[in-house]
C-alpha atoms as a PDB file:
ATOM      1  CA  GLN A   1       0.000   0.000   0.000  1.00  0.00           C
ATOM      2  CA  LEU A   2       2.825   2.380   0.839  1.00  0.00           C
ATOM      3  CA  GLU A   3       4.448   1.795  -2.530  1.00  0.00           C
ATOM      4  CA  ARG A   4       1.168   2.561  -4.314  1.00  0.00           C
ATOM      5  CA  LEU A   5       0.791   5.744  -2.279  1.00  0.00           C
ATOM      6  CA  ILE A   6       4.316   6.842  -3.208  1.00  0.00           C
ATOM      7  CA  ASP A   7       3.629   6.066  -6.881  1.00  0.00           C
ATOM      8  CA  TYR A   8       0.453   8.148  -6.662  1.00  0.00           C
ATOM      9  CA  PHE A   9       2.371  11.074  -5.157  1.00  0.00           C
ATOM     10  CA  LYS A  10       4.929  10.782  -7.964  1.00  0.00           C
ATOM     11  CA  THR A  11       2.143  11.103 -10.539  1.00  0.00           C
ATOM     12  CA  LEU A  12       1.161  14.335  -8.798  1.00  0.00           C
ATOM     13  CA  GLY A  13       4.696  15.682  -9.212  1.00  0.00           C
ATOM     14  CA  TRP A  14       6.287  14.702  -5.910  1.00  0.00           C
ATOM     15  CA  LYS A  15       9.963  13.858  -6.110  1.00  0.00           C
ATOM     16  CA  PRO A  16      11.917  12.122  -3.354  1.00  0.00           C
ATOM     17  CA  VAL A  17      14.872  14.099  -2.051  1.00  0.00           C
ATOM     18  CA  ARG A  18      17.993  12.907  -0.375  1.00  0.00           C
ATOM     19  CA  SER A  19      18.740  14.032   3.107  1.00  0.00           C
ATOM     20  CA  ILE A  20      20.994  17.075   3.129  1.00  0.00           C
ATOM     21  CA  ARG A  21      22.066  16.427   6.682  1.00  0.00           C
ATOM     22  CA  LYS A  22      25.213  14.369   6.944  1.00  0.00           C
ATOM     23  CA  LYS A  23      25.280  11.556   9.430  1.00  0.00           C
ATOM     24  CA  ARG A  24      27.971  11.672  12.059  1.00  0.00           C
ATOM     25  CA  PRO A  25      30.318   8.721  12.117  1.00  0.00           C
ATOM     26  CA  ALA A  26      29.628   6.362  14.995  1.00  0.00           C
ATOM     27  CA  ARG A  27      32.992   7.119  16.591  1.00  0.00           C
ATOM     28  CA  ASP A  28      32.145  10.832  16.808  1.00  0.00           C
ATOM     29  CA  GLU A  29      28.819  10.050  18.487  1.00  0.00           C
ATOM     30  CA  ALA A  30      30.611   7.708  20.888  1.00  0.00           C
ATOM     31  CA  ARG A  31      33.132  10.436  21.722  1.00  0.00           C
ATOM     32  CA  LEU A  32      30.376  12.990  22.342  1.00  0.00           C
ATOM     33  CA  GLU A  33      28.516  10.552  24.573  1.00  0.00           C
ATOM     34  CA  ALA A  34      31.685   9.799  26.545  1.00  0.00           C
ATOM     35  CA  LEU A  35      32.295  13.527  27.065  1.00  0.00           C
ATOM     36  CA  ARG A  36      28.703  14.034  28.226  1.00  0.00           C
ATOM     37  CA  ARG A  37      29.033  11.127  30.664  1.00  0.00           C
ATOM     38  CA  ARG A  38      32.267  12.562  32.079  1.00  0.00           C
ATOM     39  CA  CYS A  39      30.581  15.952  32.543  1.00  0.00           C
ATOM     40  CA  VAL A  40      27.763  14.329  34.513  1.00  0.00           C
ATOM     41  CA  GLU A  41      30.283  12.406  36.637  1.00  0.00           C
ATOM     42  CA  GLU A  42      32.243  15.586  37.386  1.00  0.00           C
ATOM     43  CA  ALA A  43      29.058  17.473  38.265  1.00  0.00           C
ATOM     44  CA  GLY A  44      28.055  14.686  40.646  1.00  0.00           C
ATOM     45  CA  GLY A  45      31.221  15.319  42.637  1.00  0.00           C
ATOM     46  CA  LEU A  46      30.486  19.023  43.186  1.00  0.00           C
ATOM     47  CA  ASN A  47      29.235  20.414  46.481  1.00  0.00           C
ATOM     48  CA  GLY A  48      25.561  21.280  46.634  1.00  0.00           C
ATOM     49  CA  ASP A  49      23.309  20.569  43.680  1.00  0.00           C
ATOM     50  CA  GLY A  50      25.840  19.680  40.990  1.00  0.00           C
ATOM     51  CA  MET A  51      23.213  18.787  38.403  1.00  0.00           C
ATOM     52  CA  LYS A  52      21.618  22.251  38.594  1.00  0.00           C
ATOM     53  CA  ARG A  53      25.056  23.794  38.219  1.00  0.00           C
ATOM     54  CA  LEU A  54      25.745  21.506  35.279  1.00  0.00           C
ATOM     55  CA  ALA A  55      22.505  22.581  33.561  1.00  0.00           C
ATOM     56  CA  GLY A  56      23.381  26.250  34.033  1.00  0.00           C
ATOM     57  CA  LEU A  57      26.928  25.810  32.783  1.00  0.00           C
ATOM     58  CA  ALA A  58      25.732  23.757  29.814  1.00  0.00           C
ATOM     59  CA  GLY A  59      23.425  26.619  28.876  1.00  0.00           C
ATOM     60  CA  LYS A  60      26.216  29.168  29.107  1.00  0.00           C
ATOM     61  CA  ILE A  61      29.033  27.180  27.527  1.00  0.00           C
ATOM     62  CA  CYS A  62      27.226  24.872  25.092  1.00  0.00           C
ATOM     63  CA  GLY A  63      24.292  27.143  24.349  1.00  0.00           C
ATOM     64  CA  THR A  64      21.746  24.374  24.940  1.00  0.00           C
ATOM     65  CA  ALA A  65      19.216  23.761  27.676  1.00  0.00           C
ATOM     66  CA  GLN A  66      20.053  20.054  27.707  1.00  0.00           C
ATOM     67  CA  LEU A  67      23.534  18.573  27.784  1.00  0.00           C
ATOM     68  CA  ALA A  68      22.374  15.810  25.417  1.00  0.00           C
ATOM     69  CA  TRP A  69      21.643  18.397  22.737  1.00  0.00           C
ATOM     70  CA  CYS A  70      25.238  19.621  22.552  1.00  0.00           C
ATOM     71  CA  LYS A  71      26.883  18.188  19.428  1.00  0.00           C
ATOM     72  CA  ASP A  72      30.166  20.129  19.683  1.00  0.00           C
ATOM     73  CA  ALA A  73      33.056  18.186  21.221  1.00  0.00           C
ATOM     74  CA  ALA A  74      35.098  21.365  21.813  1.00  0.00           C
ATOM     75  CA  LYS A  75      32.294  22.911  23.872  1.00  0.00           C
ATOM     76  CA  LEU A  76      31.886  19.698  25.884  1.00  0.00           C
ATOM     77  CA  GLU A  77      35.632  19.631  26.553  1.00  0.00           C
ATOM     78  CA  ARG A  78      35.473  23.263  27.687  1.00  0.00           C
ATOM     79  CA  LEU A  79      32.543  22.424  29.982  1.00  0.00           C
ATOM     80  CA  LEU A  80      34.516  19.512  31.406  1.00  0.00           C
ATOM     81  CA  ALA A  81      37.502  21.796  32.060  1.00  0.00           C
ATOM     82  CA  VAL A  82      35.281  24.327  33.864  1.00  0.00           C
ATOM     83  CA  LEU A  83      33.747  21.577  35.995  1.00  0.00           C
ATOM     84  CA  GLY A  84      37.225  20.305  36.867  1.00  0.00           C
ATOM     85  CA  LYS A  85      38.337  23.794  37.848  1.00  0.00           C
ATOM     86  CA  ILE A  86      35.263  24.270  40.060  1.00  0.00           C
ATOM     87  CA  LYS A  87      35.880  20.901  41.695  1.00  0.00           C
ATOM     88  CA  GLU A  88      39.535  21.797  42.302  1.00  0.00           C
ATOM     89  CA  GLU A  89      38.588  25.170  43.831  1.00  0.00           C
ATOM     90  CA  GLU A  90      36.082  23.461  46.131  1.00  0.00           C
ATOM     91  CA  ALA A  91      38.742  20.970  47.239  1.00  0.00           C
ATOM     92  CA  HIS A  92      41.170  23.801  48.049  1.00  0.00           C
ATOM     93  CA  GLY A  93      38.425  25.639  49.912  1.00  0.00           C
ATOM     94  CA  LYS A  94      37.893  22.623  52.184  1.00  0.00           C
ATOM     95  CA  GLN A  95      41.599  22.395  53.010  1.00  0.00           C
ATOM     96  CA  ALA A  96      41.896  26.050  54.036  1.00  0.00           C
END
C-alpha cells in the first residue's frame, strides 16, 4: 500500500529528495557521549546541587538547555575543564 501511495504522489509531481544532513560517524557520536558522561560524573562530585550547576553551565558554555543536545566536542571539553576547575577550587576551599 505504501508503494502505491508513493507512486500516486509521484504522478502528482512529488519527487523524493535525499537528506541534506550528513550523518555523524559512529565514533564521533561515541566520543560525544563519553564527554557528556564525564561531565555528569564531574558534576556529581560538586558540592551542593551539581546537576543544577551543570545545567546552568551547559546553557552558558554549550548554548543548549540540555547537555544531550550539545553536538560540539570542543564545547563539551570546555565544559569539562570548567567543571574540573570548580571541583579543584572546592577541594582547596575545604583544606583552608
